[in-house]
Amino acid sequence: MSRVVETPAAVAPLDLICLPHAGGNAQLYRGWAERLPSTVRVRPLELPGHGARLAHPLHTDWPTLIETLLADVLKHVDINGRFAVFGHSMGALVGLELIHAIRRRCARSPVWFGASACVAPERRPLEAHWLDCTHEAMVSKLRGLGGTPDALMNDREFIQFMLPVLRADFHLCGTYAHHAASLSTNERAPLDCPIGVFTGRDDSATARAEDVAAWSAQTHGVCTQHRFDGGHFFLDATPAPVLTVVATSLADAPANADCRVPADLTQGEAWIH
């Protein structure tokens, strides 16, 4: 498998922390390390209760989730290096909160942030019903997002197995606006890094142009929009065009050093490698 874009050896390496969508796991980013430049160390981060961390308790409130993930990151991060963050759908919200937490705790920032398949934080509606909604409501939500084969959608046992994860994740997404509103202005100061916003042309979740454009308010840097063929899960369906933009964006990122993740990661924790 050939790399999408190769960068000169003189370019300083960086770590790309990747966060999955609601109900998803770190496998969303399988193959990225082989396709991105060799200077990019892809670090998919697994949320508690998902994928390889299925045995860990799920989190349904933002402060607990972000504190858990921040501890995972800081355990493996040398803040003298460079890092970037990419998140898809719910992962974009988690990524943004993680960046703010790193800034508050370590006074460090990423060189780039990629927000995929997600409207701007302040444009998210309040939805507090997901923890106790009906089975049918969950199925309807999944059908609306697309990306799940009909065979699985009609498999009640599969849906029942996924319900706890989906309820927790949808609740986090639905209550994000309330969480963000509870933070002070200092805690929510705009980022300094560039933001790349990725959307699918057929994704109803990001169909309103003004809701996507509002991401520009999250940074003092440049905010660039990128559109791709496909729906909400365009990232998984046709990754090559996305990876080309990611590789180019990272190559163009500021050269100042911020965070670096060491190679000797501990097995069985949040980092998937």
C-alpha atoms as a PDB file:
ATOM      1  CA  MET A   1       0.000   0.000   0.000  1.00  0.00           C
ATOM      2  CA  SER A   2       1.605   3.257  -1.135  1.00  0.00           C
ATOM      3  CA  ARG A   3       1.647   6.413   0.930  1.00  0.00           C
ATOM      4  CA  VAL A   4      -0.658   9.249  -0.070  1.00  0.00           C
ATOM      5  CA  VAL A   5       1.939  12.005   0.354  1.00  0.00           C
ATOM      6  CA  GLU A   6       5.580  11.670   1.379  1.00  0.00           C
ATOM      7  CA  THR A   7       7.341  14.530   3.118  1.00  0.00           C
ATOM      8  CA  PRO A   8      11.041  15.403   3.170  1.00  0.00           C
ATOM      9  CA  ALA A   9      13.090  13.732   5.898  1.00  0.00           C
ATOM     10  CA  ALA A  10      13.915  17.163   7.333  1.00  0.00           C
ATOM     11  CA  VAL A  11      10.284  17.732   8.354  1.00  0.00           C
ATOM     12  CA  ALA A  12       9.918  17.215  12.110  1.00  0.00           C
ATOM     13  CA  PRO A  13       7.774  14.203  13.037  1.00  0.00           C
ATOM     14  CA  LEU A  14       4.458  14.648  14.779  1.00  0.00           C
ATOM     15  CA  ASP A  15       1.838  12.479  16.469  1.00  0.00           C
ATOM     16  CA  LEU A  16      -1.680  12.456  15.080  1.00  0.00           C
ATOM     17  CA  ILE A  17      -4.191  11.608  17.814  1.00  0.00           C
ATOM     18  CA  CYS A  18      -7.323  10.154  16.184  1.00  0.00           C
ATOM     19  CA  LEU A  19     -10.761   9.836  17.781  1.00  0.00           C
ATOM     20  CA  PRO A  20     -13.681   7.729  16.449  1.00  0.00           C
ATOM     21  CA  HIS A  21     -17.386   8.411  15.967  1.00  0.00           C
ATOM     22  CA  ALA A  22     -20.212   7.517  18.367  1.00  0.00           C
ATOM     23  CA  GLY A  23     -20.437   3.756  18.782  1.00  0.00           C
ATOM     24  CA  GLY A  24     -17.163   3.351  16.897  1.00  0.00           C
ATOM     25  CA  ASN A  25     -13.654   2.420  17.904  1.00  0.00           C
ATOM     26  CA  ALA A  26     -10.034   2.935  16.956  1.00  0.00           C
ATOM     27  CA  GLN A  27     -10.297   0.512  14.026  1.00  0.00           C
ATOM     28  CA  LEU A  28     -11.795   3.396  12.045  1.00  0.00           C
ATOM     29  CA  TYR A  29      -8.197   4.519  11.520  1.00  0.00           C
ATOM     30  CA  ARG A  30      -6.779   1.166  10.432  1.00  0.00           C
ATOM     31  CA  GLY A  31      -4.357   1.609   7.575  1.00  0.00           C
ATOM     32  CA  TRP A  32      -3.759   5.313   8.170  1.00  0.00           C
ATOM     33  CA  ALA A  33      -0.197   4.801   9.364  1.00  0.00           C
ATOM     34  CA  GLU A  34       0.704   3.042   6.105  1.00  0.00           C
ATOM     35  CA  ARG A  35      -0.910   5.714   3.937  1.00  0.00           C
ATOM     36  CA  LEU A  36       0.274   8.900   5.624  1.00  0.00           C
ATOM     37  CA  PRO A  37       3.843  10.241   5.472  1.00  0.00           C
ATOM     38  CA  SER A  38       6.418   8.366   7.525  1.00  0.00           C
ATOM     39  CA  THR A  39       6.914  11.507   9.654  1.00  0.00           C
ATOM     40  CA  VAL A  40       3.332  11.149  10.949  1.00  0.00           C
ATOM     41  CA  ARG A  41       2.849   8.734  13.853  1.00  0.00           C
ATOM     42  CA  VAL A  42      -0.837   7.809  13.885  1.00  0.00           C
ATOM     43  CA  ARG A  43      -2.182   7.339  17.419  1.00  0.00           C
ATOM     44  CA  PRO A  44      -5.832   6.154  17.435  1.00  0.00           C
ATOM     45  CA  LEU A  45      -7.254   6.697  20.901  1.00  0.00           C
ATOM     46  CA  GLU A  46      -9.797   4.184  22.207  1.00  0.00           C
ATOM     47  CA  LEU A  47     -12.591   5.502  24.419  1.00  0.00           C
ATOM     48  CA  PRO A  48     -13.474   3.570  27.600  1.00  0.00           C
ATOM     49  CA  GLY A  49     -16.128   0.935  26.919  1.00  0.00           C
ATOM     50  CA  HIS A  50     -15.310   0.806  23.196  1.00  0.00           C
ATOM     51  CA  GLY A  51     -13.357  -1.635  21.049  1.00  0.00           C
ATOM     52  CA  ALA A  52     -10.245  -2.906  22.804  1.00  0.00           C
ATOM     53  CA  ARG A  53     -11.426  -1.194  26.020  1.00  0.00           C
ATOM     54  CA  LEU A  54     -14.859  -2.816  26.014  1.00  0.00           C
ATOM     55  CA  ALA A  55     -14.435  -4.026  29.605  1.00  0.00           C
ATOM     56  CA  HIS A  56     -13.909  -0.481  30.876  1.00  0.00           C
ATOM     57  CA  PRO A  57     -16.885   1.505  32.207  1.00  0.00           C
ATOM     58  CA  LEU A  58     -18.638   3.796  29.731  1.00  0.00           C
ATOM     59  CA  HIS A  59     -18.742   7.511  30.524  1.00  0.00           C
ATOM     60  CA  THR A  60     -21.885   9.602  30.139  1.00  0.00           C
ATOM     61  CA  ASP A  61     -20.566  12.973  31.303  1.00  0.00           C
ATOM     62  CA  TRP A  62     -17.982  15.122  29.574  1.00  0.00           C
ATOM     63  CA  PRO A  63     -15.712  16.069  32.509  1.00  0.00           C
ATOM     64  CA  THR A  64     -15.145  12.416  33.480  1.00  0.00           C
ATOM     65  CA  LEU A  65     -14.525  11.302  29.903  1.00  0.00           C
ATOM     66  CA  ILE A  66     -12.073  14.082  29.125  1.00  0.00           C
ATOM     67  CA  GLU A  67     -10.206  13.694  32.422  1.00  0.00           C
ATOM     68  CA  THR A  68      -9.818   9.972  31.672  1.00  0.00           C
ATOM     69  CA  LEU A  69      -8.550  10.596  28.143  1.00  0.00           C
ATOM     70  CA  LEU A  70      -6.275  13.424  29.284  1.00  0.00           C
ATOM     71  CA  ALA A  71      -4.654  11.082  31.808  1.00  0.00           C
ATOM     72  CA  ASP A  72      -4.144   8.524  29.032  1.00  0.00           C
ATOM     73  CA  VAL A  73      -2.552  11.125  26.768  1.00  0.00           C
ATOM     74  CA  LEU A  74      -0.292  12.696  29.383  1.00  0.00           C
ATOM     75  CA  LYS A  75       0.950   9.306  30.449  1.00  0.00           C
ATOM     76  CA  HIS A  76       2.425   8.812  26.985  1.00  0.00           C
ATOM     77  CA  VAL A  77       3.096  12.345  25.729  1.00  0.00           C
ATOM     78  CA  ASP A  78       6.379  14.241  25.743  1.00  0.00           C
ATOM     79  CA  ILE A  79       5.140  17.827  25.523  1.00  0.00           C
ATOM     80  CA  ASN A  80       8.379  18.938  23.881  1.00  0.00           C
ATOM     81  CA  GLY A  81       7.230  17.347  20.624  1.00  0.00           C
ATOM     82  CA  ARG A  82       4.582  18.190  18.008  1.00  0.00           C
ATOM     83  CA  PHE A  83       1.061  16.773  17.845  1.00  0.00           C
ATOM     84  CA  ALA A  84      -2.171  17.153  15.899  1.00  0.00           C
ATOM     85  CA  VAL A  85      -5.715  15.916  16.537  1.00  0.00           C
ATOM     86  CA  PHE A  86      -8.338  14.470  14.188  1.00  0.00           C
ATOM     87  CA  GLY A  87     -11.848  13.413  15.182  1.00  0.00           C
ATOM     88  CA  HIS A  88     -14.778  12.049  13.200  1.00  0.00           C
ATOM     89  CA  SER A  89     -18.351  12.988  14.203  1.00  0.00           C
ATOM     90  CA  MET A  90     -18.483  12.621  18.002  1.00  0.00           C
ATOM     91  CA  GLY A  91     -14.690  12.300  17.798  1.00  0.00           C
ATOM     92  CA  ALA A  92     -14.494  15.931  16.654  1.00  0.00           C
ATOM     93  CA  LEU A  93     -16.207  17.055  19.867  1.00  0.00           C
ATOM     94  CA  VAL A  94     -14.000  14.788  21.984  1.00  0.00           C
ATOM     95  CA  GLY A  95     -10.930  16.055  20.140  1.00  0.00           C
ATOM     96  CA  LEU A  96     -11.847  19.686  20.745  1.00  0.00           C
ATOM     97  CA  GLU A  97     -12.427  19.083  24.452  1.00  0.00           C
ATOM     98  CA  LEU A  98      -9.178  17.135  24.734  1.00  0.00           C
ATOM     99  CA  ILE A  99      -7.266  19.995  23.107  1.00  0.00           C
ATOM    100  CA  HIS A 100      -8.745  22.487  25.567  1.00  0.00           C
ATOM    101  CA  ALA A 101      -7.858  20.181  28.468  1.00  0.00           C
ATOM    102  CA  ILE A 102      -4.253  19.868  27.263  1.00  0.00           C
ATOM    103  CA  ARG A 103      -4.010  23.639  26.910  1.00  0.00           C
ATOM    104  CA  ARG A 104      -5.295  24.200  30.450  1.00  0.00           C
ATOM    105  CA  ARG A 105      -3.114  21.524  32.024  1.00  0.00           C
ATOM    106  CA  CYS A 106       0.095  21.885  29.983  1.00  0.00           C
ATOM    107  CA  ALA A 107      -0.126  25.233  28.168  1.00  0.00           C
ATOM    108  CA  ARG A 108       0.480  23.367  24.895  1.00  0.00           C
ATOM    109  CA  SER A 109      -1.495  23.329  21.654  1.00  0.00           C
ATOM    110  CA  PRO A 110      -1.669  21.102  18.579  1.00  0.00           C
ATOM    111  CA  VAL A 111      -0.244  22.271  15.275  1.00  0.00           C
ATOM    112  CA  TRP A 112      -3.518  21.306  13.501  1.00  0.00           C
ATOM    113  CA  PHE A 113      -7.022  20.070  14.300  1.00  0.00           C
ATOM    114  CA  GLY A 114      -9.231  18.110  11.905  1.00  0.00           C
ATOM    115  CA  ALA A 115     -12.987  18.118  12.629  1.00  0.00           C
ATOM    116  CA  SER A 116     -14.853  15.602  10.491  1.00  0.00           C
ATOM    117  CA  ALA A 117     -18.609  15.021   9.930  1.00  0.00           C
ATOM    118  CA  CYS A 118     -19.627  17.380  12.714  1.00  0.00           C
ATOM    119  CA  VAL A 119     -21.304  20.786  12.864  1.00  0.00           C
ATOM    120  CA  ALA A 120     -19.716  23.522  14.945  1.00  0.00           C
ATOM    121  CA  PRO A 121     -20.121  23.073  18.719  1.00  0.00           C
ATOM    122  CA  GLU A 122     -22.396  26.065  19.216  1.00  0.00           C
ATOM    123  CA  ARG A 123     -24.758  24.775  16.510  1.00  0.00           C
ATOM    124  CA  ARG A 124     -25.494  21.476  18.247  1.00  0.00           C
ATOM    125  CA  PRO A 125     -29.051  20.998  19.580  1.00  0.00           C
ATOM    126  CA  LEU A 126     -29.714  19.839  23.147  1.00  0.00           C
ATOM    127  CA  GLU A 127     -30.923  16.200  23.199  1.00  0.00           C
ATOM    128  CA  ALA A 128     -31.105  14.668  26.666  1.00  0.00           C
ATOM    129  CA  HIS A 129     -33.335  11.652  25.934  1.00  0.00           C
ATOM    130  CA  TRP A 130     -30.863   9.077  24.612  1.00  0.00           C
ATOM    131  CA  LEU A 131     -30.135   7.230  27.859  1.00  0.00           C
ATOM    132  CA  ASP A 132     -33.722   6.003  28.158  1.00  0.00           C
ATOM    133  CA  CYS A 133     -35.172   6.299  24.666  1.00  0.00           C
ATOM    134  CA  THR A 134     -36.840   3.344  22.951  1.00  0.00           C
ATOM    135  CA  HIS A 135     -35.117   0.679  20.883  1.00  0.00           C
ATOM    136  CA  GLU A 136     -36.989   1.997  17.842  1.00  0.00           C
ATOM    137  CA  ALA A 137     -35.680   5.518  18.379  1.00  0.00           C
ATOM    138  CA  MET A 138     -32.104   4.245  18.430  1.00  0.00           C
ATOM    139  CA  VAL A 139     -32.621   2.262  15.234  1.00  0.00           C
ATOM    140  CA  SER A 140     -34.178   5.294  13.545  1.00  0.00           C
ATOM    141  CA  LYS A 141     -31.173   7.425  14.515  1.00  0.00           C
ATOM    142  CA  LEU A 142     -28.743   4.837  13.139  1.00  0.00           C
ATOM    143  CA  ARG A 143     -30.685   4.518   9.889  1.00  0.00           C
ATOM    144  CA  GLY A 144     -30.594   8.288   9.490  1.00  0.00           C
ATOM    145  CA  LEU A 145     -26.823   8.378   9.856  1.00  0.00           C
ATOM    146  CA  GLY A 146     -26.281   5.491   7.422  1.00  0.00           C
ATOM    147  CA  GLY A 147     -23.157   3.382   7.361  1.00  0.00           C
ATOM    148  CA  THR A 148     -24.678   0.369   9.163  1.00  0.00           C
ATOM    149  CA  PRO A 149     -25.624  -2.574   6.876  1.00  0.00           C
ATOM    150  CA  ASP A 150     -29.332  -3.457   6.806  1.00  0.00           C
ATOM    151  CA  ALA A 151     -28.527  -6.969   8.020  1.00  0.00           C
ATOM    152  CA  LEU A 152     -27.126  -5.516  11.225  1.00  0.00           C
ATOM    153  CA  MET A 153     -29.885  -2.943  11.552  1.00  0.00           C
ATOM    154  CA  ASN A 154     -32.420  -5.791  11.490  1.00  0.00           C
ATOM    155  CA  ASP A 155     -30.421  -7.905  13.937  1.00  0.00           C
ATOM    156  CA  ARG A 156     -32.031  -7.146  17.290  1.00  0.00           C
ATOM    157  CA  GLU A 157     -29.311  -8.986  19.220  1.00  0.00           C
ATOM    158  CA  PHE A 158     -26.631  -6.818  17.596  1.00  0.00           C
ATOM    159  CA  ILE A 159     -28.537  -3.628  18.382  1.00  0.00           C
ATOM    160  CA  GLN A 160     -29.111  -4.770  21.956  1.00  0.00           C
ATOM    161  CA  PHE A 161     -25.371  -5.463  22.295  1.00  0.00           C
ATOM    162  CA  MET A 162     -24.528  -1.996  20.982  1.00  0.00           C
ATOM    163  CA  LEU A 163     -27.246  -0.134  22.893  1.00  0.00           C
ATOM    164  CA  PRO A 164     -25.226   0.717  26.022  1.00  0.00           C
ATOM    165  CA  VAL A 165     -22.382   2.213  23.944  1.00  0.00           C
ATOM    166  CA  LEU A 166     -24.735   4.056  21.606  1.00  0.00           C
ATOM    167  CA  ARG A 167     -26.844   5.443  24.441  1.00  0.00           C
ATOM    168  CA  ALA A 168     -23.758   6.731  26.252  1.00  0.00           C
ATOM    169  CA  ASP A 169     -22.241   8.287  23.130  1.00  0.00           C
ATOM    170  CA  PHE A 170     -25.470   9.840  21.821  1.00  0.00           C
ATOM    171  CA  HIS A 171     -26.099  11.254  25.295  1.00  0.00           C
ATOM    172  CA  LEU A 172     -22.655  12.867  25.293  1.00  0.00           C
ATOM    173  CA  CYS A 173     -23.288  14.376  21.862  1.00  0.00           C
ATOM    174  CA  GLY A 174     -26.795  15.483  22.841  1.00  0.00           C
ATOM    175  CA  THR A 175     -25.662  17.197  26.046  1.00  0.00           C
ATOM    176  CA  TYR A 176     -22.504  18.753  24.606  1.00  0.00           C
ATOM    177  CA  ALA A 177     -24.123  22.181  24.280  1.00  0.00           C
ATOM    178  CA  HIS A 178     -25.007  22.144  27.979  1.00  0.00           C
ATOM    179  CA  HIS A 179     -21.450  21.110  28.894  1.00  0.00           C
ATOM    180  CA  ALA A 180     -19.830  23.815  26.766  1.00  0.00           C
ATOM    181  CA  ALA A 181     -22.166  26.478  28.180  1.00  0.00           C
ATOM    182  CA  SER A 182     -21.096  25.546  31.727  1.00  0.00           C
ATOM    183  CA  LEU A 183     -17.457  26.494  31.061  1.00  0.00           C
ATOM    184  CA  SER A 184     -15.978  29.948  31.547  1.00  0.00           C
ATOM    185  CA  THR A 185     -14.763  32.152  28.714  1.00  0.00           C
ATOM    186  CA  ASN A 186     -11.150  31.484  29.714  1.00  0.00           C
ATOM    187  CA  GLU A 187     -11.751  27.734  29.500  1.00  0.00           C
ATOM    188  CA  ARG A 188     -13.217  28.106  26.011  1.00  0.00           C
ATOM    189  CA  ALA A 189     -10.756  30.591  24.470  1.00  0.00           C
ATOM    190  CA  PRO A 190     -10.401  29.946  20.711  1.00  0.00           C
ATOM    191  CA  LEU A 191      -7.560  27.726  19.546  1.00  0.00           C
ATOM    192  CA  ASP A 192      -4.462  29.114  17.866  1.00  0.00           C
ATOM    193  CA  CYS A 193      -3.949  26.293  15.369  1.00  0.00           C
ATOM    194  CA  PRO A 194      -5.499  25.863  11.911  1.00  0.00           C
ATOM    195  CA  ILE A 195      -8.710  23.826  11.727  1.00  0.00           C
ATOM    196  CA  GLY A 196      -9.657  21.621   8.797  1.00  0.00           C
ATOM    197  CA  VAL A 197     -13.383  20.820   8.572  1.00  0.00           C
ATOM    198  CA  PHE A 198     -14.284  17.639   6.652  1.00  0.00           C
ATOM    199  CA  THR A 199     -17.834  16.884   5.455  1.00  0.00           C
ATOM    200  CA  GLY A 200     -19.631  14.455   3.144  1.00  0.00           C
ATOM    201  CA  ARG A 201     -21.688  15.951   0.341  1.00  0.00           C
ATOM    202  CA  ASP A 202     -24.608  13.629   1.123  1.00  0.00           C
ATOM    203  CA  ASP A 203     -24.440  13.852   4.913  1.00  0.00           C
ATOM    204  CA  SER A 204     -27.698  15.273   6.288  1.00  0.00           C
ATOM    205  CA  ALA A 205     -26.002  15.890   9.658  1.00  0.00           C
ATOM    206  CA  THR A 206     -23.803  18.606   8.126  1.00  0.00           C
ATOM    207  CA  ALA A 207     -26.150  19.801   5.375  1.00  0.00           C
ATOM    208  CA  ARG A 208     -26.518  23.357   6.682  1.00  0.00           C
ATOM    209  CA  ALA A 209     -23.539  25.326   5.372  1.00  0.00           C
ATOM    210  CA  GLU A 210     -23.729  27.922   8.157  1.00  0.00           C
ATOM    211  CA  ASP A 211     -23.513  25.209  10.832  1.00  0.00           C
ATOM    212  CA  VAL A 212     -20.289  23.931   9.290  1.00  0.00           C
ATOM    213  CA  ALA A 213     -18.806  27.372   8.615  1.00  0.00           C
ATOM    214  CA  ALA A 214     -19.287  28.276  12.289  1.00  0.00           C
ATOM    215  CA  TRP A 215     -16.227  26.122  13.133  1.00  0.00           C
ATOM    216  CA  SER A 216     -14.176  29.226  12.246  1.00  0.00           C
ATOM    217  CA  ALA A 217     -15.180  30.734  15.602  1.00  0.00           C
ATOM    218  CA  GLN A 218     -13.219  27.978  17.382  1.00  0.00           C
ATOM    219  CA  THR A 219      -9.792  29.268  16.320  1.00  0.00           C
ATOM    220  CA  HIS A 220      -7.726  32.395  15.783  1.00  0.00           C
ATOM    221  CA  GLY A 221      -6.054  30.492  12.952  1.00  0.00           C
ATOM    222  CA  VAL A 222      -7.245  29.588   9.481  1.00  0.00           C
ATOM    223  CA  CYS A 223     -10.353  27.398   9.160  1.00  0.00           C
ATOM    224  CA  THR A 224     -10.555  25.469   5.885  1.00  0.00           C
ATOM    225  CA  GLN A 225     -13.494  23.388   4.645  1.00  0.00           C
ATOM    226  CA  HIS A 226     -13.104  20.168   2.643  1.00  0.00           C
ATOM    227  CA  ARG A 227     -16.011  18.265   1.043  1.00  0.00           C
ATOM    228  CA  PHE A 228     -15.953  14.659  -0.114  1.00  0.00           C
ATOM    229  CA  ASP A 229     -18.273  12.286  -1.924  1.00  0.00           C
ATOM    230  CA  GLY A 230     -20.409  10.210   0.417  1.00  0.00           C
ATOM    231  CA  GLY A 231     -22.584  10.479   3.515  1.00  0.00           C
ATOM    232  CA  HIS A 232     -21.815  10.602   7.209  1.00  0.00           C
ATOM    233  CA  PHE A 233     -19.263   7.789   6.966  1.00  0.00           C
ATOM    234  CA  PHE A 234     -17.378   9.081   3.913  1.00  0.00           C
ATOM    235  CA  LEU A 235     -14.188   8.659   5.947  1.00  0.00           C
ATOM    236  CA  ASP A 236     -14.491   4.876   5.963  1.00  0.00           C
ATOM    237  CA  ALA A 237     -15.962   4.494   2.492  1.00  0.00           C
ATOM    238  CA  THR A 238     -13.377   6.481   0.482  1.00  0.00           C
ATOM    239  CA  PRO A 239     -10.379   7.266   2.714  1.00  0.00           C
ATOM    240  CA  ALA A 240      -7.813   8.146   0.006  1.00  0.00           C
ATOM    241  CA  PRO A 241      -9.032  11.713  -0.741  1.00  0.00           C
ATOM    242  CA  VAL A 242      -9.363  12.408   2.985  1.00  0.00           C
ATOM    243  CA  LEU A 243      -5.857  11.157   3.706  1.00  0.00           C
ATOM    244  CA  THR A 244      -4.452  13.326   0.932  1.00  0.00           C
ATOM    245  CA  VAL A 245      -5.919  16.432   2.598  1.00  0.00           C
ATOM    246  CA  VAL A 246      -4.777  15.305   6.055  1.00  0.00           C
ATOM    247  CA  ALA A 247      -1.234  14.682   4.821  1.00  0.00           C
ATOM    248  CA  THR A 248      -1.049  18.042   3.065  1.00  0.00           C
ATOM    249  CA  SER A 249      -2.498  19.872   6.071  1.00  0.00           C
ATOM    250  CA  LEU A 250       0.051  18.310   8.410  1.00  0.00           C
ATOM    251  CA  ALA A 251       2.899  19.086   6.028  1.00  0.00           C
ATOM    252  CA  ASP A 252       1.781  22.724   5.992  1.00  0.00           C
ATOM    253  CA  ALA A 253       1.322  22.900   9.790  1.00  0.00           C
ATOM    254  CA  PRO A 254       3.482  25.308  11.804  1.00  0.00           C
ATOM    255  CA  ALA A 255       6.911  23.927  12.615  1.00  0.00           C
ATOM    256  CA  ASN A 256       6.794  24.888  16.315  1.00  0.00           C
ATOM    257  CA  ALA A 257       7.145  21.853  18.581  1.00  0.00           C
ATOM    258  CA  ASP A 258       4.384  20.956  21.044  1.00  0.00           C
ATOM    259  CA  CYS A 259       3.823  17.285  21.786  1.00  0.00           C
ATOM    260  CA  ARG A 260       5.473  13.980  20.990  1.00  0.00           C
ATOM    261  CA  VAL A 261       4.263  10.495  21.951  1.00  0.00           C
ATOM    262  CA  PRO A 262       7.043   7.995  22.802  1.00  0.00           C
ATOM    263  CA  ALA A 263       7.204   4.736  20.890  1.00  0.00           C
ATOM    264  CA  ASP A 264       7.131   2.458  23.947  1.00  0.00           C
ATOM    265  CA  LEU A 265       3.401   2.600  24.621  1.00  0.00           C
ATOM    266  CA  THR A 266       1.956   0.305  27.261  1.00  0.00           C
ATOM    267  CA  GLN A 267      -0.267  -2.535  26.025  1.00  0.00           C
ATOM    268  CA  GLY A 268      -3.878  -2.720  27.163  1.00  0.00           C
ATOM    269  CA  GLU A 269      -4.477   0.983  27.673  1.00  0.00           C
ATOM    270  CA  ALA A 270      -6.167   3.638  25.591  1.00  0.00           C
ATOM    271  CA  TRP A 271      -3.588   3.801  22.818  1.00  0.00           C
ATOM    272  CA  ILE A 272      -4.034   1.432  19.895  1.00  0.00           C
ATOM    273  CA  HIS A 273      -0.873   0.863  17.873  1.00  0.00           C
END
